[in-house]
PDB file of all heavy atoms in Angstrom:
ATOM      1  N   PHE A   1       7.298  -9.807  -5.695  1.00  0.00           N
ATOM      2  CA  PHE A   1       7.968  -8.551  -5.356  1.00  0.00           C
ATOM      3  C   PHE A   1       8.375  -7.752  -6.599  1.00  0.00           C
ATOM      4  O   PHE A   1       9.103  -6.765  -6.475  1.00  0.00           O
ATOM      5  CB  PHE A   1       9.212  -8.833  -4.504  1.00  0.00           C
ATOM      6  CG  PHE A   1       8.897  -9.308  -3.113  1.00  0.00           C
ATOM      7  CD1 PHE A   1       8.886 -10.663  -2.812  1.00  0.00           C
ATOM      8  CD2 PHE A   1       8.602  -8.397  -2.106  1.00  0.00           C
ATOM      9  CE1 PHE A   1       8.594 -11.104  -1.530  1.00  0.00           C
ATOM     10  CE2 PHE A   1       8.303  -8.825  -0.823  1.00  0.00           C
ATOM     11  CZ  PHE A   1       8.295 -10.194  -0.536  1.00  0.00           C
ATOM     12  N   ASN A   2       7.916  -8.148  -7.776  1.00  0.00           N
ATOM     13  CA  ASN A   2       8.354  -7.488  -9.010  1.00  0.00           C
ATOM     14  C   ASN A   2       8.029  -5.996  -9.025  1.00  0.00           C
ATOM     15  O   ASN A   2       8.840  -5.182  -9.483  1.00  0.00           O
ATOM     16  CB  ASN A   2       7.718  -8.166 -10.234  1.00  0.00           C
ATOM     17  CG  ASN A   2       8.356  -9.503 -10.550  1.00  0.00           C
ATOM     18  OD1 ASN A   2       9.530  -9.723 -10.266  1.00  0.00           O
ATOM     19  ND2 ASN A   2       7.588 -10.410 -11.130  1.00  0.00           N
ATOM     20  N   GLU A   3       6.855  -5.618  -8.518  1.00  0.00           N
ATOM     21  CA  GLU A   3       6.444  -4.210  -8.559  1.00  0.00           C
ATOM     22  C   GLU A   3       7.385  -3.345  -7.713  1.00  0.00           C
ATOM     23  O   GLU A   3       7.824  -2.271  -8.155  1.00  0.00           O
ATOM     24  CB  GLU A   3       5.006  -4.066  -8.068  1.00  0.00           C
ATOM     25  CG  GLU A   3       4.429  -2.668  -8.263  1.00  0.00           C
ATOM     26  CD  GLU A   3       2.991  -2.551  -7.814  1.00  0.00           C
ATOM     27  OE1 GLU A   3       2.441  -3.524  -7.253  1.00  0.00           O
ATOM     28  OE2 GLU A   3       2.416  -1.464  -8.014  1.00  0.00           O
ATOM     29  N   VAL A   4       7.713  -3.800  -6.497  1.00  0.00           N
ATOM     30  CA  VAL A   4       8.612  -2.992  -5.655  1.00  0.00           C
ATOM     31  C   VAL A   4      10.050  -3.045  -6.175  1.00  0.00           C
ATOM     32  O   VAL A   4      10.795  -2.075  -6.049  1.00  0.00           O
ATOM     33  CB  VAL A   4       8.570  -3.424  -4.173  1.00  0.00           C
ATOM     34  CG1 VAL A   4       7.345  -2.885  -3.482  1.00  0.00           C
ATOM     35  CG2 VAL A   4       8.676  -4.930  -4.016  1.00  0.00           C
ATOM     36  N   MET A   5      10.411  -4.159  -6.783  1.00  0.00           N
ATOM     37  CA  MET A   5      11.747  -4.247  -7.383  1.00  0.00           C
ATOM     38  C   MET A   5      11.880  -3.222  -8.504  1.00  0.00           C
ATOM     39  O   MET A   5      12.917  -2.562  -8.650  1.00  0.00           O
ATOM     40  CB  MET A   5      11.999  -5.657  -7.906  1.00  0.00           C
ATOM     41  CG  MET A   5      12.097  -6.737  -6.837  1.00  0.00           C
ATOM     42  SD  MET A   5      13.675  -6.747  -5.962  1.00  0.00           S
ATOM     43  CE  MET A   5      14.705  -7.588  -7.165  1.00  0.00           C
ATOM     44  N   GLN A   6      10.829  -3.061  -9.286  1.00  0.00           N
ATOM     45  CA  GLN A   6      10.837  -2.072 -10.374  1.00  0.00           C
ATOM     46  C   GLN A   6      10.909  -0.651  -9.813  1.00  0.00           C
ATOM     47  O   GLN A   6      11.603   0.211 -10.362  1.00  0.00           O
ATOM     48  CB  GLN A   6       9.596  -2.246 -11.249  1.00  0.00           C
ATOM     49  CG  GLN A   6       9.615  -3.518 -12.089  1.00  0.00           C
ATOM     50  CD  GLN A   6       8.301  -3.761 -12.810  1.00  0.00           C
ATOM     51  OE1 GLN A   6       7.381  -2.939 -12.759  1.00  0.00           O
ATOM     52  NE2 GLN A   6       8.195  -4.905 -13.474  1.00  0.00           N
ATOM     53  N   GLN A   7      10.194  -0.405  -8.720  1.00  0.00           N
ATOM     54  CA  GLN A   7      10.252   0.916  -8.083  1.00  0.00           C
ATOM     55  C   GLN A   7      11.668   1.235  -7.606  1.00  0.00           C
ATOM     56  O   GLN A   7      12.115   2.374  -7.673  1.00  0.00           O
ATOM     57  CB  GLN A   7       9.284   0.969  -6.892  1.00  0.00           C
ATOM     58  CG  GLN A   7       7.819   0.979  -7.261  1.00  0.00           C
ATOM     59  CD  GLN A   7       7.372   2.298  -7.866  1.00  0.00           C
ATOM     60  OE1 GLN A   7       8.054   3.319  -7.765  1.00  0.00           O
ATOM     61  NE2 GLN A   7       6.231   2.282  -8.534  1.00  0.00           N
ATOM     62  N   MET A   8      12.386   0.215  -7.178  1.00  0.00           N
ATOM     63  CA  MET A   8      13.736   0.420  -6.674  1.00  0.00           C
ATOM     64  C   MET A   8      14.730   0.789  -7.773  1.00  0.00           C
ATOM     65  O   MET A   8      15.821   1.294  -7.480  1.00  0.00           O
ATOM     66  CB  MET A   8      14.212  -0.824  -5.934  1.00  0.00           C
ATOM     67  CG  MET A   8      13.557  -1.020  -4.581  1.00  0.00           C
ATOM     68  SD  MET A   8      13.957   0.290  -3.392  1.00  0.00           S
ATOM     69  CE  MET A   8      15.725  -0.003  -3.136  1.00  0.00           C
ATOM     70  N   GLU A   9      14.364   0.576  -9.026  1.00  0.00           N
ATOM     71  CA  GLU A   9      15.219   0.994 -10.131  1.00  0.00           C
ATOM     72  C   GLU A   9      15.362   2.512 -10.167  1.00  0.00           C
ATOM     73  O   GLU A   9      16.333   3.036 -10.724  1.00  0.00           O
ATOM     74  CB  GLU A   9      14.650   0.483 -11.462  1.00  0.00           C
ATOM     75  CG  GLU A   9      14.710  -1.038 -11.608  1.00  0.00           C
ATOM     76  CD  GLU A   9      14.072  -1.518 -12.898  1.00  0.00           C
ATOM     77  OE1 GLU A   9      13.668  -0.646 -13.720  1.00  0.00           O
ATOM     78  OE2 GLU A   9      13.976  -2.742 -13.104  1.00  0.00           O
ATOM     79  N   GLN A  10      14.403   3.211  -9.555  1.00  0.00           N
ATOM     80  CA  GLN A  10      14.437   4.681  -9.547  1.00  0.00           C
ATOM     81  C   GLN A  10      15.287   5.230  -8.403  1.00  0.00           C
ATOM     82  O   GLN A  10      15.469   6.442  -8.292  1.00  0.00           O
ATOM     83  CB  GLN A  10      13.004   5.235  -9.416  1.00  0.00           C
ATOM     84  CG  GLN A  10      12.004   4.655 -10.402  1.00  0.00           C
ATOM     85  CD  GLN A  10      12.434   4.816 -11.844  1.00  0.00           C
ATOM     86  OE1 GLN A  10      12.884   5.890 -12.236  1.00  0.00           O
ATOM     87  NE2 GLN A  10      12.310   3.759 -12.637  1.00  0.00           N
ATOM     88  N   THR A  11      15.793   4.366  -7.543  1.00  0.00           N
ATOM     89  CA  THR A  11      16.590   4.826  -6.409  1.00  0.00           C
ATOM     90  C   THR A  11      18.077   4.729  -6.725  1.00  0.00           C
ATOM     91  O   THR A  11      18.496   3.925  -7.554  1.00  0.00           O
ATOM     92  CB  THR A  11      16.283   3.998  -5.147  1.00  0.00           C
ATOM     93  OG1 THR A  11      16.728   2.641  -5.335  1.00  0.00           O
ATOM     94  CG2 THR A  11      14.794   4.012  -4.842  1.00  0.00           C
ATOM     95  N   ASP A  12      18.857   5.543  -6.042  1.00  0.00           N
ATOM     96  CA  ASP A  12      20.302   5.589  -6.277  1.00  0.00           C
ATOM     97  C   ASP A  12      21.075   4.958  -5.119  1.00  0.00           C
ATOM     98  O   ASP A  12      20.601   4.906  -3.985  1.00  0.00           O
ATOM     99  CB  ASP A  12      20.762   7.043  -6.442  1.00  0.00           C
ATOM    100  CG  ASP A  12      20.143   7.712  -7.658  1.00  0.00           C
ATOM    101  OD1 ASP A  12      20.018   7.041  -8.708  1.00  0.00           O
ATOM    102  OD2 ASP A  12      19.784   8.902  -7.556  1.00  0.00           O
ATOM    103  N   ILE A  13      22.276   4.528  -5.432  1.00  0.00           N
ATOM    104  CA  ILE A  13      23.236   4.100  -4.419  1.00  0.00           C
ATOM    105  C   ILE A  13      24.182   5.268  -4.182  1.00  0.00           C
ATOM    106  O   ILE A  13      24.761   5.793  -5.132  1.00  0.00           O
ATOM    107  CB  ILE A  13      24.019   2.856  -4.879  1.00  0.00           C
ATOM    108  CG1 ILE A  13      23.059   1.674  -5.072  1.00  0.00           C
ATOM    109  CG2 ILE A  13      25.122   2.502  -3.892  1.00  0.00           C
ATOM    110  CD1 ILE A  13      23.709   0.456  -5.686  1.00  0.00           C
ATOM    111  N   PRO A  14      24.335   5.726  -2.943  1.00  0.00           N
ATOM    112  CA  PRO A  14      25.202   6.882  -2.691  1.00  0.00           C
ATOM    113  C   PRO A  14      26.655   6.592  -3.046  1.00  0.00           C
ATOM    114  O   PRO A  14      27.088   5.433  -3.058  1.00  0.00           O
ATOM    115  CB  PRO A  14      25.031   7.132  -1.188  1.00  0.00           C
ATOM    116  CG  PRO A  14      24.604   5.817  -0.634  1.00  0.00           C
ATOM    117  CD  PRO A  14      23.771   5.174  -1.694  1.00  0.00           C
ATOM    118  N   ALA A  15      27.393   7.635  -3.332  1.00  0.00           N
ATOM    119  CA  ALA A  15      28.811   7.480  -3.678  1.00  0.00           C
ATOM    120  C   ALA A  15      29.610   6.937  -2.506  1.00  0.00           C
ATOM    121  O   ALA A  15      30.589   6.210  -2.684  1.00  0.00           O
ATOM    122  CB  ALA A  15      29.385   8.814  -4.145  1.00  0.00           C
ATOM    123  N   GLU A  16      29.186   7.286  -1.287  1.00  0.00           N
ATOM    124  CA  GLU A  16      29.844   6.812  -0.069  1.00  0.00           C
ATOM    125  C   GLU A  16      28.785   6.488   0.971  1.00  0.00           C
ATOM    126  O   GLU A  16      27.715   7.099   1.006  1.00  0.00           O
ATOM    127  CB  GLU A  16      30.791   7.878   0.493  1.00  0.00           C
ATOM    128  CG  GLU A  16      31.976   8.213  -0.402  1.00  0.00           C
ATOM    129  CD  GLU A  16      32.878   9.260   0.228  1.00  0.00           C
ATOM    130  OE1 GLU A  16      32.563   9.715   1.352  1.00  0.00           O
ATOM    131  OE2 GLU A  16      33.891   9.618  -0.401  1.00  0.00           O
ATOM    132  N   GLY A  17      29.094   5.549   1.852  1.00  0.00           N
ATOM    133  CA  GLY A  17      28.205   5.237   2.958  1.00  0.00           C
ATOM    134  C   GLY A  17      26.890   4.616   2.518  1.00  0.00           C
ATOM    135  O   GLY A  17      26.763   4.071   1.419  1.00  0.00           O
ATOM    136  N   ASN A  18      25.901   4.732   3.412  1.00  0.00           N
ATOM    137  CA  ASN A  18      24.575   4.169   3.162  1.00  0.00           C
ATOM    138  C   ASN A  18      23.512   5.247   3.270  1.00  0.00           C
ATOM    139  O   ASN A  18      23.701   6.252   3.953  1.00  0.00           O
ATOM    140  CB  ASN A  18      24.242   3.079   4.186  1.00  0.00           C
ATOM    141  CG  ASN A  18      25.237   1.935   4.186  1.00  0.00           C
ATOM    142  OD1 ASN A  18      25.852   1.630   3.165  1.00  0.00           O
ATOM    143  ND2 ASN A  18      25.399   1.300   5.331  1.00  0.00           N
ATOM    144  N   VAL A  19      22.371   5.006   2.628  1.00  0.00           N
ATOM    145  CA  VAL A  19      21.192   5.833   2.835  1.00  0.00           C
ATOM    146  C   VAL A  19      20.064   4.905   3.246  1.00  0.00           C
ATOM    147  O   VAL A  19      19.864   3.845   2.638  1.00  0.00           O
ATOM    148  CB  VAL A  19      20.817   6.636   1.571  1.00  0.00           C
ATOM    149  CG1 VAL A  19      20.554   5.732   0.374  1.00  0.00           C
ATOM    150  CG2 VAL A  19      19.601   7.522   1.832  1.00  0.00           C
ATOM    151  N   TYR A  20      19.335   5.279   4.316  1.00  0.00           N
ATOM    152  CA  TYR A  20      18.207   4.477   4.779  1.00  0.00           C
ATOM    153  C   TYR A  20      16.989   5.372   4.924  1.00  0.00           C
ATOM    154  O   TYR A  20      17.035   6.382   5.636  1.00  0.00           O
ATOM    155  CB  TYR A  20      18.519   3.796   6.111  1.00  0.00           C
ATOM    156  CG  TYR A  20      17.299   3.129   6.728  1.00  0.00           C
ATOM    157  CD1 TYR A  20      16.590   2.158   6.030  1.00  0.00           C
ATOM    158  CD2 TYR A  20      16.845   3.502   7.996  1.00  0.00           C
ATOM    159  CE1 TYR A  20      15.467   1.559   6.573  1.00  0.00           C
ATOM    160  CE2 TYR A  20      15.720   2.906   8.559  1.00  0.00           C
ATOM    161  CZ  TYR A  20      15.036   1.937   7.838  1.00  0.00           C
ATOM    162  OH  TYR A  20      13.909   1.342   8.374  1.00  0.00           O
ATOM    163  N   LEU A  21      15.909   5.015   4.258  1.00  0.00           N
ATOM    164  CA  LEU A  21      14.635   5.713   4.367  1.00  0.00           C
ATOM    165  C   LEU A  21      13.629   4.747   4.976  1.00  0.00           C
ATOM    166  O   LEU A  21      13.430   3.644   4.458  1.00  0.00           O
ATOM    167  CB  LEU A  21      14.158   6.196   2.999  1.00  0.00           C
ATOM    168  CG  LEU A  21      15.080   7.168   2.265  1.00  0.00           C
ATOM    169  CD1 LEU A  21      14.486   7.548   0.914  1.00  0.00           C
ATOM    170  CD2 LEU A  21      15.334   8.420   3.099  1.00  0.00           C
ATOM    171  N   THR A  22      13.009   5.140   6.072  1.00  0.00           N
ATOM    172  CA  THR A  22      12.128   4.227   6.800  1.00  0.00           C
ATOM    173  C   THR A  22      10.838   3.928   6.048  1.00  0.00           C
ATOM    174  O   THR A  22      10.332   2.802   6.081  1.00  0.00           O
ATOM    175  CB  THR A  22      11.754   4.808   8.173  1.00  0.00           C
ATOM    176  OG1 THR A  22      11.113   6.070   7.987  1.00  0.00           O
ATOM    177  CG2 THR A  22      12.987   4.995   9.036  1.00  0.00           C
ATOM    178  N   SER A  23      10.276   4.949   5.378  1.00  0.00           N
ATOM    179  CA  SER A  23       8.959   4.823   4.754  1.00  0.00           C
ATOM    180  C   SER A  23       8.953   5.579   3.429  1.00  0.00           C
ATOM    181  O   SER A  23       9.191   6.786   3.397  1.00  0.00           O
ATOM    182  CB  SER A  23       7.898   5.406   5.711  1.00  0.00           C
ATOM    183  OG  SER A  23       6.613   5.339   5.147  1.00  0.00           O
ATOM    184  N   VAL A  24       8.700   4.846   2.344  1.00  0.00           N
ATOM    185  CA  VAL A  24       8.750   5.435   1.004  1.00  0.00           C
ATOM    186  C   VAL A  24       7.390   5.245   0.322  1.00  0.00           C
ATOM    187  O   VAL A  24       6.922   4.108   0.147  1.00  0.00           O
ATOM    188  CB  VAL A  24       9.859   4.779   0.157  1.00  0.00           C
ATOM    189  CG1 VAL A  24       9.864   5.338  -1.262  1.00  0.00           C
ATOM    190  CG2 VAL A  24      11.220   4.997   0.826  1.00  0.00           C
ATOM    191  N   LYS A  25       6.764   6.346  -0.029  1.00  0.00           N
ATOM    192  CA  LYS A  25       5.401   6.333  -0.569  1.00  0.00           C
ATOM    193  C   LYS A  25       5.262   5.412  -1.767  1.00  0.00           C
ATOM    194  O   LYS A  25       4.301   4.639  -1.869  1.00  0.00           O
ATOM    195  CB  LYS A  25       4.992   7.764  -0.937  1.00  0.00           C
ATOM    196  CG  LYS A  25       3.573   7.907  -1.451  1.00  0.00           C
ATOM    197  CD  LYS A  25       3.266   9.372  -1.744  1.00  0.00           C
ATOM    198  CE  LYS A  25       1.844   9.533  -2.298  1.00  0.00           C
ATOM    199  NZ  LYS A  25       1.547  10.962  -2.598  1.00  0.00           N
ATOM    200  N   GLN A  26       6.216   5.491  -2.693  1.00  0.00           N
ATOM    201  CA  GLN A  26       6.114   4.690  -3.921  1.00  0.00           C
ATOM    202  C   GLN A  26       6.121   3.188  -3.628  1.00  0.00           C
ATOM    203  O   GLN A  26       5.470   2.408  -4.326  1.00  0.00           O
ATOM    204  CB  GLN A  26       7.265   5.036  -4.872  1.00  0.00           C
ATOM    205  CG  GLN A  26       7.175   6.417  -5.488  1.00  0.00           C
ATOM    206  CD  GLN A  26       7.773   7.497  -4.583  1.00  0.00           C
ATOM    207  OE1 GLN A  26       7.996   7.275  -3.394  1.00  0.00           O
ATOM    208  NE2 GLN A  26       8.041   8.662  -5.171  1.00  0.00           N
ATOM    209  N   LEU A  27       6.847   2.788  -2.603  1.00  0.00           N
ATOM    210  CA  LEU A  27       6.885   1.368  -2.233  1.00  0.00           C
ATOM    211  C   LEU A  27       5.612   0.968  -1.485  1.00  0.00           C
ATOM    212  O   LEU A  27       5.106  -0.147  -1.648  1.00  0.00           O
ATOM    213  CB  LEU A  27       8.113   1.083  -1.364  1.00  0.00           C
ATOM    214  CG  LEU A  27       9.478   1.358  -1.985  1.00  0.00           C
ATOM    215  CD1 LEU A  27      10.591   1.017  -0.993  1.00  0.00           C
ATOM    216  CD2 LEU A  27       9.673   0.558  -3.274  1.00  0.00           C
ATOM    217  N   GLU A  28       5.093   1.889  -0.694  1.00  0.00           N
ATOM    218  CA  GLU A  28       3.928   1.571   0.128  1.00  0.00           C
ATOM    219  C   GLU A  28       2.622   1.616  -0.649  1.00  0.00           C
ATOM    220  O   GLU A  28       1.583   1.166  -0.145  1.00  0.00           O
ATOM    221  CB  GLU A  28       3.872   2.517   1.329  1.00  0.00           C
ATOM    222  CG  GLU A  28       5.047   2.304   2.281  1.00  0.00           C
ATOM    223  CD  GLU A  28       5.039   3.198   3.493  1.00  0.00           C
ATOM    224  OE1 GLU A  28       4.302   4.213   3.471  1.00  0.00           O
ATOM    225  OE2 GLU A  28       5.763   2.885   4.444  1.00  0.00           O
ATOM    226  N   GLN A  29       2.659   2.120  -1.878  1.00  0.00           N
ATOM    227  CA  GLN A  29       1.461   2.136  -2.711  1.00  0.00           C
ATOM    228  C   GLN A  29       1.341   0.882  -3.577  1.00  0.00           C
ATOM    229  O   GLN A  29       0.436   0.777  -4.394  1.00  0.00           O
ATOM    230  CB  GLN A  29       1.460   3.386  -3.597  1.00  0.00           C
ATOM    231  CG  GLN A  29       1.219   4.678  -2.820  1.00  0.00           C
ATOM    232  CD  GLN A  29       1.271   5.911  -3.696  1.00  0.00           C
ATOM    233  OE1 GLN A  29       1.930   5.930  -4.739  1.00  0.00           O
ATOM    234  NE2 GLN A  29       0.582   6.964  -3.283  1.00  0.00           N
ATOM    235  N   THR A  30       2.226  -0.067  -3.378  1.00  0.00           N
ATOM    236  CA  THR A  30       2.200  -1.309  -4.148  1.00  0.00           C
ATOM    237  C   THR A  30       1.337  -2.355  -3.457  1.00  0.00           C
ATOM    238  O   THR A  30       1.080  -2.286  -2.249  1.00  0.00           O
ATOM    239  CB  THR A  30       3.617  -1.867  -4.340  1.00  0.00           C
ATOM    240  OG1 THR A  30       4.197  -2.110  -3.052  1.00  0.00           O
ATOM    241  CG2 THR A  30       4.495  -0.882  -5.106  1.00  0.00           C
ATOM    242  N   ALA A  31       0.919  -3.361  -4.237  1.00  0.00           N
ATOM    243  CA  ALA A  31       0.033  -4.402  -3.712  1.00  0.00           C
ATOM    244  C   ALA A  31       0.699  -5.240  -2.631  1.00  0.00           C
ATOM    245  O   ALA A  31       0.032  -5.755  -1.727  1.00  0.00           O
ATOM    246  CB  ALA A  31      -0.432  -5.301  -4.856  1.00  0.00           C
ATOM    247  N   ILE A  32       2.017  -5.366  -2.693  1.00  0.00           N
ATOM    248  CA  ILE A  32       2.711  -6.252  -1.758  1.00  0.00           C
ATOM    249  C   ILE A  32       2.585  -5.763  -0.320  1.00  0.00           C
ATOM    250  O   ILE A  32       2.614  -6.572   0.627  1.00  0.00           O
ATOM    251  CB  ILE A  32       4.204  -6.410  -2.157  1.00  0.00           C
ATOM    252  CG1 ILE A  32       4.850  -7.599  -1.423  1.00  0.00           C
ATOM    253  CG2 ILE A  32       4.969  -5.130  -1.885  1.00  0.00           C
ATOM    254  CD1 ILE A  32       4.291  -8.935  -1.805  1.00  0.00           C
ATOM    255  N   LYS A  33       2.426  -4.468  -0.107  1.00  0.00           N
ATOM    256  CA  LYS A  33       2.309  -3.967   1.266  1.00  0.00           C
ATOM    257  C   LYS A  33       1.136  -4.611   1.989  1.00  0.00           C
ATOM    258  O   LYS A  33       1.267  -5.116   3.107  1.00  0.00           O
ATOM    259  CB  LYS A  33       2.161  -2.444   1.306  1.00  0.00           C
ATOM    260  CG  LYS A  33       2.068  -1.938   2.748  1.00  0.00           C
ATOM    261  CD  LYS A  33       1.684  -0.473   2.857  1.00  0.00           C
ATOM    262  CE  LYS A  33       1.531  -0.092   4.331  1.00  0.00           C
ATOM    263  NZ  LYS A  33       1.062   1.283   4.521  1.00  0.00           N
ATOM    264  N   GLY A  34      -0.026  -4.615   1.349  1.00  0.00           N
ATOM    265  CA  GLY A  34      -1.215  -5.200   1.967  1.00  0.00           C
ATOM    266  C   GLY A  34      -1.059  -6.691   2.209  1.00  0.00           C
ATOM    267  O   GLY A  34      -1.511  -7.217   3.235  1.00  0.00           O
ATOM    268  N   GLN A  35      -0.402  -7.371   1.274  1.00  0.00           N
ATOM    269  CA  GLN A  35      -0.199  -8.810   1.431  1.00  0.00           C
ATOM    270  C   GLN A  35       0.708  -9.116   2.620  1.00  0.00           C
ATOM    271  O   GLN A  35       0.412 -10.002   3.435  1.00  0.00           O
ATOM    272  CB  GLN A  35       0.393  -9.388   0.146  1.00  0.00           C
ATOM    273  CG  GLN A  35      -0.541  -9.307  -1.051  1.00  0.00           C
ATOM    274  CD  GLN A  35       0.143  -9.715  -2.341  1.00  0.00           C
ATOM    275  OE1 GLN A  35       1.221 -10.302  -2.331  1.00  0.00           O
ATOM    276  NE2 GLN A  35      -0.484  -9.405  -3.467  1.00  0.00           N
ATOM    277  N   LEU A  36       1.820  -8.385   2.720  1.00  0.00           N
ATOM    278  CA  LEU A  36       2.744  -8.615   3.840  1.00  0.00           C
ATOM    279  C   LEU A  36       2.101  -8.214   5.162  1.00  0.00           C
ATOM    280  O   LEU A  36       2.259  -8.902   6.179  1.00  0.00           O
ATOM    281  CB  LEU A  36       4.033  -7.824   3.620  1.00  0.00           C
ATOM    282  CG  LEU A  36       4.882  -8.222   2.412  1.00  0.00           C
ATOM    283  CD1 LEU A  36       6.076  -7.283   2.261  1.00  0.00           C
ATOM    284  CD2 LEU A  36       5.347  -9.669   2.512  1.00  0.00           C
ATOM    285  N   GLN A  37       1.366  -7.109   5.146  1.00  0.00           N
ATOM    286  CA  GLN A  37       0.730  -6.625   6.370  1.00  0.00           C
ATOM    287  C   GLN A  37      -0.251  -7.659   6.904  1.00  0.00           C
ATOM    288  O   GLN A  37      -0.315  -7.900   8.123  1.00  0.00           O
ATOM    289  CB  GLN A  37       0.025  -5.304   6.079  1.00  0.00           C
ATOM    290  CG  GLN A  37      -0.550  -4.612   7.303  1.00  0.00           C
ATOM    291  CD  GLN A  37      -0.873  -3.159   7.023  1.00  0.00           C
ATOM    292  OE1 GLN A  37       0.011  -2.341   6.827  1.00  0.00           O
ATOM    293  NE2 GLN A  37      -2.153  -2.835   7.003  1.00  0.00           N
ATOM    294  N   GLN A  38      -0.975  -8.299   6.006  1.00  0.00           N
ATOM    295  CA  GLN A  38      -1.979  -9.262   6.425  1.00  0.00           C
ATOM    296  C   GLN A  38      -1.375 -10.620   6.761  1.00  0.00           C
ATOM    297  O   GLN A  38      -1.693 -11.228   7.780  1.00  0.00           O
ATOM    298  CB  GLN A  38      -3.036  -9.433   5.327  1.00  0.00           C
ATOM    299  CG  GLN A  38      -4.179 -10.345   5.719  1.00  0.00           C
ATOM    300  CD  GLN A  38      -4.968  -9.824   6.911  1.00  0.00           C
ATOM    301  OE1 GLN A  38      -5.181  -8.617   7.045  1.00  0.00           O
ATOM    302  NE2 GLN A  38      -5.398 -10.722   7.793  1.00  0.00           N
TER     303      GLN A  38
END
C-alpha cells in the first residue's frame, strides 16, 4: 500500500469534522486498485 499511502500525503485533515470522498482519481490510478479488485 506504499503508493496509495504516499498519495495520501497530499490530502488534508479538515479543521473540524470529517471529509469523505468516495472516488479519488489519484488513488484509483495506482497498482493496488487492480490487485484488490481481482
